[in-house]
Amino acid sequence: MRKILVVVDMQNDFIDGALGTLEARSIVPKVVEKMGQYEPRNVYLTRDTHYENYLETLEGRNLPVTHCIQGTRGWQLHDAIAAAAEDATVIDKPTFGSNRLAGLLMVERAQEGLEIELVGLCTDICVVSNALLLRAAMPEVPITVDASCCAGVTPERHRAALETMRSCQIRIVGA
C-alpha cells in the first residue's frame, strides 16, 4: 500500500500574508515534520493560484481579499515548506478543490493501492474540499486528515470542518 501525503496550500498569504493567522503559522513546523515522514515522490502539494482579475471572479466577489496571485510572494510556498518539498509534485489550482490532483491520484490508484493523508490550510475551505473530492473519486481509498497539521479560518470553523469530514468517513487524527 503506497502512502500519499497531500499538503494543501501552505503558502505565504495563508500563513503570514493577506489571510494569515496565528494558527496557520503554528502548524508550519508540524507540516514540515510530517513531510519528512514520506518519500518525496509520495508528496503532493497544492498551491492556490489566482490572477490579477481575482476580485472579478465569483470567489473574489465573496472573499474580496486579493491573495495568492500567481508570481507574487504570497502565492509562493512558505520557505520551510518549499525546502521540504524538493522533488515533490506541486499542483496549481484555481479553486478550492483540485480536479487535477484527484485525476493524478486516480491514475496512481489504478496502478497500486493507496492510502492518502491530508494536511494544510484552510481546514474549512481547501482541505475539506480536497478531502471530499478525493473521497468521491476514490470511495474505497482510506483517507486521513491530521488535524494537528491543519488550521482553519477560525478555530470554530476548523472543528466544524473536521466534523464534516468525519461524517463522510474520513479518518481524523491529531484532534
N, C-alpha and C. Protein backbone atom coordinates (compact mmCIF):
# COMPACT_ATOMS: atom_id res chain seq x y z
N MET A 1 0.85 -1.18 0.00
CA MET A 1 0.00 0.00 0.00
C MET A 1 0.89 1.24 0.00
N ARG A 2 0.74 2.05 -1.03
CA ARG A 2 1.52 3.28 -1.14
C ARG A 2 0.86 4.40 -0.34
N LYS A 3 1.63 5.08 0.47
CA LYS A 3 1.11 6.15 1.32
C LYS A 3 1.44 7.51 0.70
N ILE A 4 0.39 8.28 0.47
CA ILE A 4 0.49 9.58 -0.19
C ILE A 4 0.17 10.68 0.83
N LEU A 5 0.95 11.76 0.79
CA LEU A 5 0.66 12.94 1.60
C LEU A 5 0.28 14.08 0.68
N VAL A 6 -0.87 14.69 0.95
CA VAL A 6 -1.31 15.88 0.23
C VAL A 6 -1.19 17.07 1.18
N VAL A 7 -0.35 18.04 0.79
CA VAL A 7 -0.13 19.25 1.59
C VAL A 7 -0.87 20.38 0.88
N VAL A 8 -1.91 20.87 1.52
CA VAL A 8 -2.82 21.83 0.89
C VAL A 8 -2.43 23.27 1.22
N ASP A 9 -2.08 24.03 0.20
CA ASP A 9 -2.00 25.50 0.23
C ASP A 9 -1.17 26.10 1.37
N MET A 10 0.00 25.54 1.61
CA MET A 10 0.90 26.08 2.65
C MET A 10 1.70 27.23 2.05
N GLN A 11 0.98 28.28 1.70
CA GLN A 11 1.52 29.44 1.01
C GLN A 11 1.61 30.64 1.93
N ASN A 12 2.50 31.55 1.57
CA ASN A 12 2.73 32.73 2.40
C ASN A 12 1.46 33.52 2.72
N ASP A 13 0.59 33.72 1.74
CA ASP A 13 -0.61 34.52 2.01
C ASP A 13 -1.51 33.88 3.06
N PHE A 14 -1.50 32.57 3.19
CA PHE A 14 -2.34 31.89 4.18
C PHE A 14 -1.64 31.75 5.52
N ILE A 15 -0.32 31.96 5.54
CA ILE A 15 0.44 31.77 6.77
C ILE A 15 0.71 33.10 7.46
N ASP A 16 1.36 34.01 6.74
CA ASP A 16 1.69 35.30 7.36
C ASP A 16 1.40 36.48 6.44
N GLY A 17 0.59 36.23 5.42
CA GLY A 17 0.26 37.28 4.47
C GLY A 17 -1.18 37.75 4.60
N ALA A 18 -1.81 38.01 3.47
CA ALA A 18 -3.13 38.64 3.42
C ALA A 18 -4.19 37.91 4.24
N LEU A 19 -4.13 36.59 4.32
CA LEU A 19 -5.12 35.81 5.06
C LEU A 19 -4.48 34.98 6.16
N GLY A 20 -3.29 35.37 6.59
CA GLY A 20 -2.55 34.62 7.60
C GLY A 20 -3.19 34.66 8.97
N THR A 21 -2.91 33.61 9.75
CA THR A 21 -3.40 33.53 11.12
C THR A 21 -2.31 32.95 12.02
N LEU A 22 -2.45 33.17 13.32
CA LEU A 22 -1.54 32.56 14.29
C LEU A 22 -1.58 31.04 14.19
N GLU A 23 -2.79 30.49 14.02
CA GLU A 23 -2.94 29.04 13.92
C GLU A 23 -2.20 28.50 12.70
N ALA A 24 -2.27 29.21 11.59
CA ALA A 24 -1.57 28.78 10.38
C ALA A 24 -0.06 28.80 10.60
N ARG A 25 0.43 29.85 11.22
CA ARG A 25 1.88 29.93 11.49
C ARG A 25 2.31 28.80 12.42
N SER A 26 1.47 28.44 13.36
CA SER A 26 1.85 27.43 14.35
C SER A 26 1.98 26.03 13.78
N ILE A 27 1.33 25.73 12.65
CA ILE A 27 1.40 24.37 12.11
C ILE A 27 2.57 24.15 11.16
N VAL A 28 3.25 25.21 10.75
CA VAL A 28 4.34 25.06 9.76
C VAL A 28 5.36 24.01 10.20
N PRO A 29 5.92 24.06 11.42
CA PRO A 29 6.91 23.04 11.80
C PRO A 29 6.34 21.62 11.79
N LYS A 30 5.08 21.47 12.18
CA LYS A 30 4.44 20.15 12.19
C LYS A 30 4.27 19.61 10.78
N VAL A 31 3.91 20.49 9.85
CA VAL A 31 3.75 20.07 8.45
C VAL A 31 5.10 19.67 7.87
N VAL A 32 6.14 20.44 8.15
CA VAL A 32 7.49 20.10 7.67
C VAL A 32 7.90 18.73 8.22
N GLU A 33 7.64 18.51 9.51
CA GLU A 33 7.97 17.22 10.12
C GLU A 33 7.19 16.08 9.45
N LYS A 34 5.91 16.31 9.20
CA LYS A 34 5.07 15.30 8.54
C LYS A 34 5.60 15.00 7.14
N MET A 35 5.99 16.03 6.39
CA MET A 35 6.52 15.82 5.04
C MET A 35 7.76 14.93 5.08
N GLY A 36 8.57 15.07 6.12
CA GLY A 36 9.77 14.27 6.25
C GLY A 36 9.50 12.79 6.49
N GLN A 37 8.27 12.45 6.83
CA GLN A 37 7.90 11.06 7.06
C GLN A 37 7.50 10.33 5.79
N TYR A 38 7.47 11.04 4.67
CA TYR A 38 7.05 10.48 3.39
C TYR A 38 8.19 10.57 2.38
N GLU A 39 8.23 9.62 1.46
CA GLU A 39 9.16 9.72 0.34
C GLU A 39 8.74 10.91 -0.52
N PRO A 40 9.70 11.69 -1.02
CA PRO A 40 9.33 12.88 -1.81
C PRO A 40 8.40 12.57 -2.98
N ARG A 41 8.55 11.41 -3.61
CA ARG A 41 7.67 11.06 -4.75
C ARG A 41 6.23 10.85 -4.32
N ASN A 42 6.00 10.70 -3.01
CA ASN A 42 4.66 10.46 -2.49
C ASN A 42 4.05 11.70 -1.85
N VAL A 43 4.69 12.85 -2.07
CA VAL A 43 4.18 14.12 -1.52
C VAL A 43 3.66 14.98 -2.67
N TYR A 44 2.42 15.40 -2.53
CA TYR A 44 1.78 16.29 -3.49
C TYR A 44 1.39 17.56 -2.75
N LEU A 45 1.76 18.70 -3.29
CA LEU A 45 1.40 19.98 -2.70
C LEU A 45 0.47 20.72 -3.64
N THR A 46 -0.56 21.33 -3.07
CA THR A 46 -1.39 22.21 -3.89
C THR A 46 -1.02 23.65 -3.59
N ARG A 47 -1.25 24.47 -4.58
CA ARG A 47 -0.96 25.89 -4.45
C ARG A 47 -2.16 26.66 -5.00
N ASP A 48 -2.86 27.38 -4.12
CA ASP A 48 -3.97 28.23 -4.53
C ASP A 48 -3.40 29.23 -5.53
N THR A 49 -4.04 29.35 -6.68
CA THR A 49 -3.48 30.18 -7.75
C THR A 49 -4.56 31.07 -8.35
N HIS A 50 -4.38 32.36 -8.16
CA HIS A 50 -5.30 33.34 -8.72
C HIS A 50 -4.52 34.30 -9.63
N TYR A 51 -5.27 35.15 -10.31
CA TYR A 51 -4.68 36.08 -11.28
C TYR A 51 -5.14 37.50 -10.97
N GLU A 52 -4.65 38.44 -11.72
CA GLU A 52 -4.93 39.86 -11.47
C GLU A 52 -6.42 40.17 -11.44
N ASN A 53 -7.24 39.37 -12.12
CA ASN A 53 -8.68 39.61 -12.17
C ASN A 53 -9.41 38.93 -11.00
N TYR A 54 -8.71 38.52 -9.97
CA TYR A 54 -9.31 37.76 -8.87
C TYR A 54 -10.59 38.40 -8.33
N LEU A 55 -10.58 39.70 -8.09
CA LEU A 55 -11.74 40.36 -7.50
C LEU A 55 -12.96 40.34 -8.41
N GLU A 56 -12.78 40.02 -9.69
CA GLU A 56 -13.89 39.91 -10.64
C GLU A 56 -14.48 38.51 -10.68
N THR A 57 -13.82 37.55 -10.04
CA THR A 57 -14.30 36.17 -10.05
C THR A 57 -15.37 35.98 -8.97
N LEU A 58 -16.12 34.89 -9.07
CA LEU A 58 -17.13 34.59 -8.06
C LEU A 58 -16.49 34.50 -6.67
N GLU A 59 -15.36 33.80 -6.58
CA GLU A 59 -14.67 33.71 -5.29
C GLU A 59 -14.26 35.09 -4.80
N GLY A 60 -13.70 35.90 -5.68
CA GLY A 60 -13.24 37.23 -5.30
C GLY A 60 -14.37 38.15 -4.86
N ARG A 61 -15.55 37.97 -5.44
CA ARG A 61 -16.70 38.78 -5.01
C ARG A 61 -17.19 38.34 -3.64
N ASN A 62 -16.99 37.07 -3.30
CA ASN A 62 -17.41 36.55 -2.00
C ASN A 62 -16.33 36.67 -0.93
N LEU A 63 -15.08 36.69 -1.35
CA LEU A 63 -13.94 36.87 -0.44
C LEU A 63 -13.07 37.96 -1.06
N PRO A 64 -13.43 39.23 -0.86
CA PRO A 64 -12.73 40.32 -1.54
C PRO A 64 -11.39 40.69 -0.89
N VAL A 65 -10.54 39.70 -0.74
CA VAL A 65 -9.18 39.90 -0.24
C VAL A 65 -8.24 39.31 -1.30
N THR A 66 -7.52 40.17 -1.98
CA THR A 66 -6.60 39.69 -3.01
C THR A 66 -5.53 38.84 -2.35
N HIS A 67 -5.36 37.61 -2.86
CA HIS A 67 -4.39 36.68 -2.28
C HIS A 67 -3.95 35.67 -3.33
N CYS A 68 -2.78 35.11 -3.10
CA CYS A 68 -2.22 34.03 -3.93
C CYS A 68 -2.25 34.35 -5.42
N ILE A 69 -1.87 35.58 -5.76
CA ILE A 69 -1.79 35.99 -7.16
C ILE A 69 -0.51 35.39 -7.73
N GLN A 70 -0.66 34.61 -8.79
CA GLN A 70 0.47 33.88 -9.37
C GLN A 70 1.68 34.79 -9.55
N GLY A 71 2.83 34.29 -9.09
CA GLY A 71 4.09 35.01 -9.25
C GLY A 71 4.45 35.92 -8.08
N THR A 72 3.51 36.16 -7.16
CA THR A 72 3.79 37.04 -6.03
C THR A 72 4.39 36.23 -4.87
N ARG A 73 4.95 36.95 -3.89
CA ARG A 73 5.47 36.28 -2.69
C ARG A 73 4.35 35.52 -1.97
N GLY A 74 3.17 36.12 -1.90
CA GLY A 74 2.05 35.48 -1.22
C GLY A 74 1.64 34.16 -1.84
N TRP A 75 1.82 34.01 -3.13
CA TRP A 75 1.47 32.79 -3.86
C TRP A 75 2.48 31.68 -3.61
N GLN A 76 3.71 32.05 -3.30
CA GLN A 76 4.76 31.05 -3.13
C GLN A 76 4.55 30.23 -1.87
N LEU A 77 5.05 29.00 -1.92
CA LEU A 77 5.04 28.16 -0.73
C LEU A 77 5.91 28.81 0.34
N HIS A 78 5.52 28.66 1.59
CA HIS A 78 6.32 29.14 2.71
C HIS A 78 7.72 28.55 2.56
N ASP A 79 8.75 29.31 2.91
CA ASP A 79 10.14 28.86 2.71
C ASP A 79 10.43 27.50 3.32
N ALA A 80 9.97 27.25 4.54
CA ALA A 80 10.24 25.96 5.20
C ALA A 80 9.54 24.82 4.47
N ILE A 81 8.35 25.08 3.97
CA ILE A 81 7.60 24.06 3.22
C ILE A 81 8.29 23.81 1.87
N ALA A 82 8.68 24.89 1.20
CA ALA A 82 9.36 24.75 -0.10
C ALA A 82 10.65 23.95 0.04
N ALA A 83 11.40 24.19 1.10
CA ALA A 83 12.65 23.45 1.32
C ALA A 83 12.37 21.97 1.53
N ALA A 84 11.30 21.66 2.24
CA ALA A 84 10.94 20.26 2.49
C ALA A 84 10.30 19.59 1.28
N ALA A 85 9.88 20.41 0.31
CA ALA A 85 9.13 19.89 -0.84
C ALA A 85 10.00 19.56 -2.05
N GLU A 86 11.31 19.64 -1.90
CA GLU A 86 12.17 19.33 -3.04
C GLU A 86 11.83 17.94 -3.57
N ASP A 87 11.64 17.83 -4.86
CA ASP A 87 11.29 16.59 -5.56
C ASP A 87 9.84 16.15 -5.36
N ALA A 88 9.03 16.95 -4.70
CA ALA A 88 7.61 16.65 -4.57
C ALA A 88 6.87 17.22 -5.78
N THR A 89 5.63 16.82 -5.94
CA THR A 89 4.79 17.32 -7.04
C THR A 89 3.99 18.52 -6.55
N VAL A 90 4.07 19.64 -7.26
CA VAL A 90 3.32 20.84 -6.91
C VAL A 90 2.24 21.05 -7.97
N ILE A 91 1.02 21.25 -7.51
CA ILE A 91 -0.13 21.41 -8.39
C ILE A 91 -0.78 22.76 -8.13
N ASP A 92 -0.83 23.60 -9.15
CA ASP A 92 -1.53 24.87 -9.04
C ASP A 92 -3.02 24.61 -9.25
N LYS A 93 -3.85 25.23 -8.41
CA LYS A 93 -5.30 25.03 -8.53
C LYS A 93 -6.01 26.37 -8.47
N PRO A 94 -6.96 26.61 -9.36
CA PRO A 94 -7.65 27.90 -9.40
C PRO A 94 -8.84 28.00 -8.46
N THR A 95 -9.15 26.93 -7.75
CA THR A 95 -10.31 26.93 -6.87
C THR A 95 -10.03 26.06 -5.66
N PHE A 96 -11.02 25.86 -4.83
CA PHE A 96 -10.82 25.18 -3.55
C PHE A 96 -10.29 23.76 -3.69
N GLY A 97 -10.97 22.94 -4.47
CA GLY A 97 -10.55 21.56 -4.69
C GLY A 97 -9.84 21.42 -6.01
N SER A 98 -8.95 20.44 -6.10
CA SER A 98 -8.17 20.26 -7.33
C SER A 98 -8.58 19.00 -8.07
N ASN A 99 -9.27 19.18 -9.20
CA ASN A 99 -9.60 18.05 -10.06
C ASN A 99 -8.33 17.40 -10.61
N ARG A 100 -7.32 18.21 -10.86
CA ARG A 100 -6.05 17.67 -11.37
C ARG A 100 -5.42 16.73 -10.35
N LEU A 101 -5.40 17.13 -9.09
CA LEU A 101 -4.88 16.27 -8.03
C LEU A 101 -5.65 14.96 -7.99
N ALA A 102 -6.97 15.04 -7.98
CA ALA A 102 -7.80 13.83 -7.95
C ALA A 102 -7.49 12.94 -9.14
N GLY A 103 -7.34 13.53 -10.32
CA GLY A 103 -7.03 12.75 -11.52
C GLY A 103 -5.69 12.05 -11.42
N LEU A 104 -4.67 12.77 -10.96
CA LEU A 104 -3.34 12.16 -10.81
C LEU A 104 -3.37 11.01 -9.81
N LEU A 105 -4.06 11.20 -8.71
CA LEU A 105 -4.11 10.14 -7.70
C LEU A 105 -4.97 8.97 -8.16
N MET A 106 -5.97 9.22 -8.97
CA MET A 106 -6.76 8.11 -9.53
C MET A 106 -5.90 7.26 -10.46
N VAL A 107 -5.02 7.88 -11.22
CA VAL A 107 -4.08 7.13 -12.07
C VAL A 107 -3.16 6.29 -11.20
N GLU A 108 -2.64 6.89 -10.13
CA GLU A 108 -1.77 6.15 -9.21
C GLU A 108 -2.54 4.97 -8.59
N ARG A 109 -3.78 5.22 -8.22
CA ARG A 109 -4.62 4.19 -7.60
C ARG A 109 -4.86 3.02 -8.54
N ALA A 110 -4.95 3.29 -9.84
CA ALA A 110 -5.15 2.22 -10.82
C ALA A 110 -3.94 1.29 -10.90
N GLN A 111 -2.77 1.79 -10.49
CA GLN A 111 -1.54 1.00 -10.56
C GLN A 111 -1.25 0.25 -9.27
N GLU A 112 -1.67 0.81 -8.12
CA GLU A 112 -1.42 0.16 -6.83
C GLU A 112 -2.33 0.76 -5.78
N GLY A 113 -2.48 0.05 -4.67
CA GLY A 113 -3.31 0.53 -3.59
C GLY A 113 -2.74 1.78 -2.96
N LEU A 114 -3.61 2.67 -2.55
CA LEU A 114 -3.18 3.93 -1.93
C LEU A 114 -3.85 4.13 -0.58
N GLU A 115 -3.14 4.85 0.27
CA GLU A 115 -3.71 5.49 1.46
C GLU A 115 -3.32 6.95 1.31
N ILE A 116 -4.24 7.86 1.61
CA ILE A 116 -3.99 9.28 1.43
C ILE A 116 -4.17 10.01 2.75
N GLU A 117 -3.21 10.87 3.06
CA GLU A 117 -3.30 11.74 4.24
C GLU A 117 -3.25 13.18 3.76
N LEU A 118 -4.08 14.03 4.34
CA LEU A 118 -4.09 15.45 4.01
C LEU A 118 -3.73 16.29 5.22
N VAL A 119 -3.01 17.38 4.96
CA VAL A 119 -2.66 18.39 5.95
C VAL A 119 -2.71 19.74 5.25
N GLY A 120 -2.75 20.84 6.02
CA GLY A 120 -2.62 22.15 5.40
C GLY A 120 -3.69 23.14 5.75
N LEU A 121 -3.92 24.06 4.82
CA LEU A 121 -4.76 25.24 5.02
C LEU A 121 -5.77 25.39 3.89
N CYS A 122 -6.83 25.97 4.17
CA CYS A 122 -7.52 26.12 5.42
C CYS A 122 -8.43 24.91 5.59
N THR A 123 -8.50 24.39 6.80
CA THR A 123 -9.27 23.18 7.06
C THR A 123 -10.68 23.30 6.51
N ASP A 124 -11.31 24.44 6.72
CA ASP A 124 -12.73 24.63 6.40
C ASP A 124 -13.00 25.07 4.97
N ILE A 125 -11.96 25.20 4.16
CA ILE A 125 -12.19 25.58 2.77
C ILE A 125 -11.48 24.58 1.85
N CYS A 126 -10.19 24.70 1.71
CA CYS A 126 -9.48 23.88 0.72
C CYS A 126 -9.15 22.47 1.20
N VAL A 127 -8.88 22.29 2.50
CA VAL A 127 -8.62 20.92 2.98
C VAL A 127 -9.88 20.09 2.85
N VAL A 128 -10.99 20.59 3.36
CA VAL A 128 -12.24 19.83 3.29
C VAL A 128 -12.66 19.62 1.83
N SER A 129 -12.49 20.61 0.98
CA SER A 129 -12.86 20.46 -0.44
C SER A 129 -12.06 19.35 -1.10
N ASN A 130 -10.76 19.31 -0.87
CA ASN A 130 -9.93 18.27 -1.48
C ASN A 130 -10.20 16.91 -0.86
N ALA A 131 -10.41 16.85 0.44
CA ALA A 131 -10.71 15.56 1.08
C ALA A 131 -12.01 14.98 0.53
N LEU A 132 -13.04 15.80 0.40
CA LEU A 132 -14.32 15.30 -0.11
C LEU A 132 -14.25 14.96 -1.59
N LEU A 133 -13.49 15.72 -2.35
CA LEU A 133 -13.29 15.42 -3.77
C LEU A 133 -12.59 14.06 -3.93
N LEU A 134 -11.55 13.83 -3.13
CA LEU A 134 -10.84 12.55 -3.18
C LEU A 134 -11.73 11.42 -2.70
N ARG A 135 -12.53 11.66 -1.67
CA ARG A 135 -13.46 10.64 -1.17
C ARG A 135 -14.45 10.25 -2.27
N ALA A 136 -15.00 11.23 -2.97
CA ALA A 136 -15.96 10.96 -4.04
C ALA A 136 -15.31 10.22 -5.21
N ALA A 137 -14.09 10.59 -5.54
CA ALA A 137 -13.39 9.98 -6.68
C ALA A 137 -12.90 8.57 -6.38
N MET A 138 -12.56 8.31 -5.11
CA MET A 138 -11.98 7.01 -4.73
C MET A 138 -12.61 6.54 -3.42
N PRO A 139 -13.87 6.06 -3.48
CA PRO A 139 -14.59 5.74 -2.26
C PRO A 139 -13.99 4.61 -1.42
N GLU A 140 -13.14 3.79 -1.99
CA GLU A 140 -12.55 2.68 -1.24
C GLU A 140 -11.14 2.97 -0.72
N VAL A 141 -10.62 4.15 -1.00
CA VAL A 141 -9.27 4.50 -0.55
C VAL A 141 -9.35 5.09 0.86
N PRO A 142 -8.55 4.57 1.79
CA PRO A 142 -8.52 5.17 3.13
C PRO A 142 -7.95 6.60 3.05
N ILE A 143 -8.70 7.54 3.63
CA ILE A 143 -8.28 8.94 3.63
C ILE A 143 -8.26 9.42 5.09
N THR A 144 -7.15 10.07 5.45
CA THR A 144 -6.96 10.59 6.80
C THR A 144 -6.62 12.07 6.72
N VAL A 145 -7.08 12.82 7.70
CA VAL A 145 -6.67 14.22 7.87
C VAL A 145 -6.04 14.34 9.25
N ASP A 146 -4.83 14.89 9.30
CA ASP A 146 -4.16 15.12 10.58
C ASP A 146 -4.53 16.53 11.04
N ALA A 147 -5.45 16.61 11.99
CA ALA A 147 -5.95 17.90 12.47
C ALA A 147 -4.86 18.75 13.09
N SER A 148 -3.82 18.13 13.64
CA SER A 148 -2.74 18.90 14.27
C SER A 148 -1.85 19.59 13.23
N CYS A 149 -2.01 19.22 11.98
CA CYS A 149 -1.25 19.83 10.88
C CYS A 149 -2.17 20.63 9.96
N CYS A 150 -3.29 21.06 10.49
CA CYS A 150 -4.25 21.87 9.74
C CYS A 150 -4.66 23.07 10.58
N ALA A 151 -5.12 24.11 9.92
CA ALA A 151 -5.69 25.27 10.61
C ALA A 151 -6.81 25.82 9.73
N GLY A 152 -7.86 26.26 10.39
CA GLY A 152 -8.98 26.84 9.67
C GLY A 152 -8.95 28.36 9.71
N VAL A 153 -9.93 28.95 9.08
CA VAL A 153 -10.06 30.40 9.11
C VAL A 153 -10.23 30.86 10.56
N THR A 154 -10.98 30.09 11.33
CA THR A 154 -11.10 30.29 12.77
C THR A 154 -11.03 28.91 13.43
N PRO A 155 -10.71 28.84 14.71
CA PRO A 155 -10.70 27.53 15.39
C PRO A 155 -12.07 26.84 15.32
N GLU A 156 -13.17 27.61 15.40
CA GLU A 156 -14.51 27.03 15.34
C GLU A 156 -14.78 26.41 13.97
N ARG A 157 -14.39 27.10 12.92
CA ARG A 157 -14.61 26.57 11.57
C ARG A 157 -13.70 25.36 11.30
N HIS A 158 -12.51 25.36 11.88
CA HIS A 158 -11.61 24.20 11.80
C HIS A 158 -12.32 22.98 12.38
N ARG A 159 -12.86 23.11 13.59
CA ARG A 159 -13.54 21.99 14.24
C ARG A 159 -14.77 21.55 13.44
N ALA A 160 -15.53 22.49 12.91
CA ALA A 160 -16.71 22.14 12.12
C ALA A 160 -16.32 21.36 10.86
N ALA A 161 -15.25 21.76 10.21
CA ALA A 161 -14.80 21.05 9.00
C ALA A 161 -14.34 19.64 9.35
N LEU A 162 -13.67 19.49 10.48
CA LEU A 162 -13.25 18.15 10.91
C LEU A 162 -14.47 17.25 11.10
N GLU A 163 -15.52 17.79 11.70
CA GLU A 163 -16.75 17.01 11.90
C GLU A 163 -17.40 16.65 10.57
N THR A 164 -17.40 17.58 9.62
CA THR A 164 -17.95 17.29 8.30
C THR A 164 -17.18 16.14 7.64
N MET A 165 -15.86 16.21 7.69
CA MET A 165 -15.06 15.15 7.08
C MET A 165 -15.26 13.83 7.81
N ARG A 166 -15.32 13.86 9.12
CA ARG A 166 -15.57 12.64 9.90
C ARG A 166 -16.90 12.01 9.47
N SER A 167 -17.91 12.84 9.25
CA SER A 167 -19.22 12.35 8.81
C SER A 167 -19.16 11.66 7.45
N CYS A 168 -18.18 12.02 6.66
CA CYS A 168 -18.01 11.45 5.32
C CYS A 168 -16.96 10.35 5.30
N GLN A 169 -16.75 9.74 6.46
CA GLN A 169 -15.85 8.59 6.61
C GLN A 169 -14.39 8.90 6.28
N ILE A 170 -13.98 10.10 6.59
CA ILE A 170 -12.58 10.48 6.51
C ILE A 170 -12.06 10.40 7.94
N ARG A 171 -11.00 9.65 8.11
CA ARG A 171 -10.42 9.45 9.44
C ARG A 171 -9.72 10.72 9.90
N ILE A 172 -10.02 11.18 11.11
CA ILE A 172 -9.40 12.37 11.68
C ILE A 172 -8.48 11.93 12.80
N VAL A 173 -7.22 12.33 12.72
CA VAL A 173 -6.25 12.05 13.77
C VAL A 173 -5.68 13.38 14.26
N GLY A 174 -5.03 13.35 15.41
CA GLY A 174 -4.37 14.54 15.92
C GLY A 174 -5.30 15.63 16.41
N ALA A 175 -6.56 15.30 16.63
CA ALA A 175 -7.51 16.33 17.07
C ALA A 175 -7.46 16.48 18.58
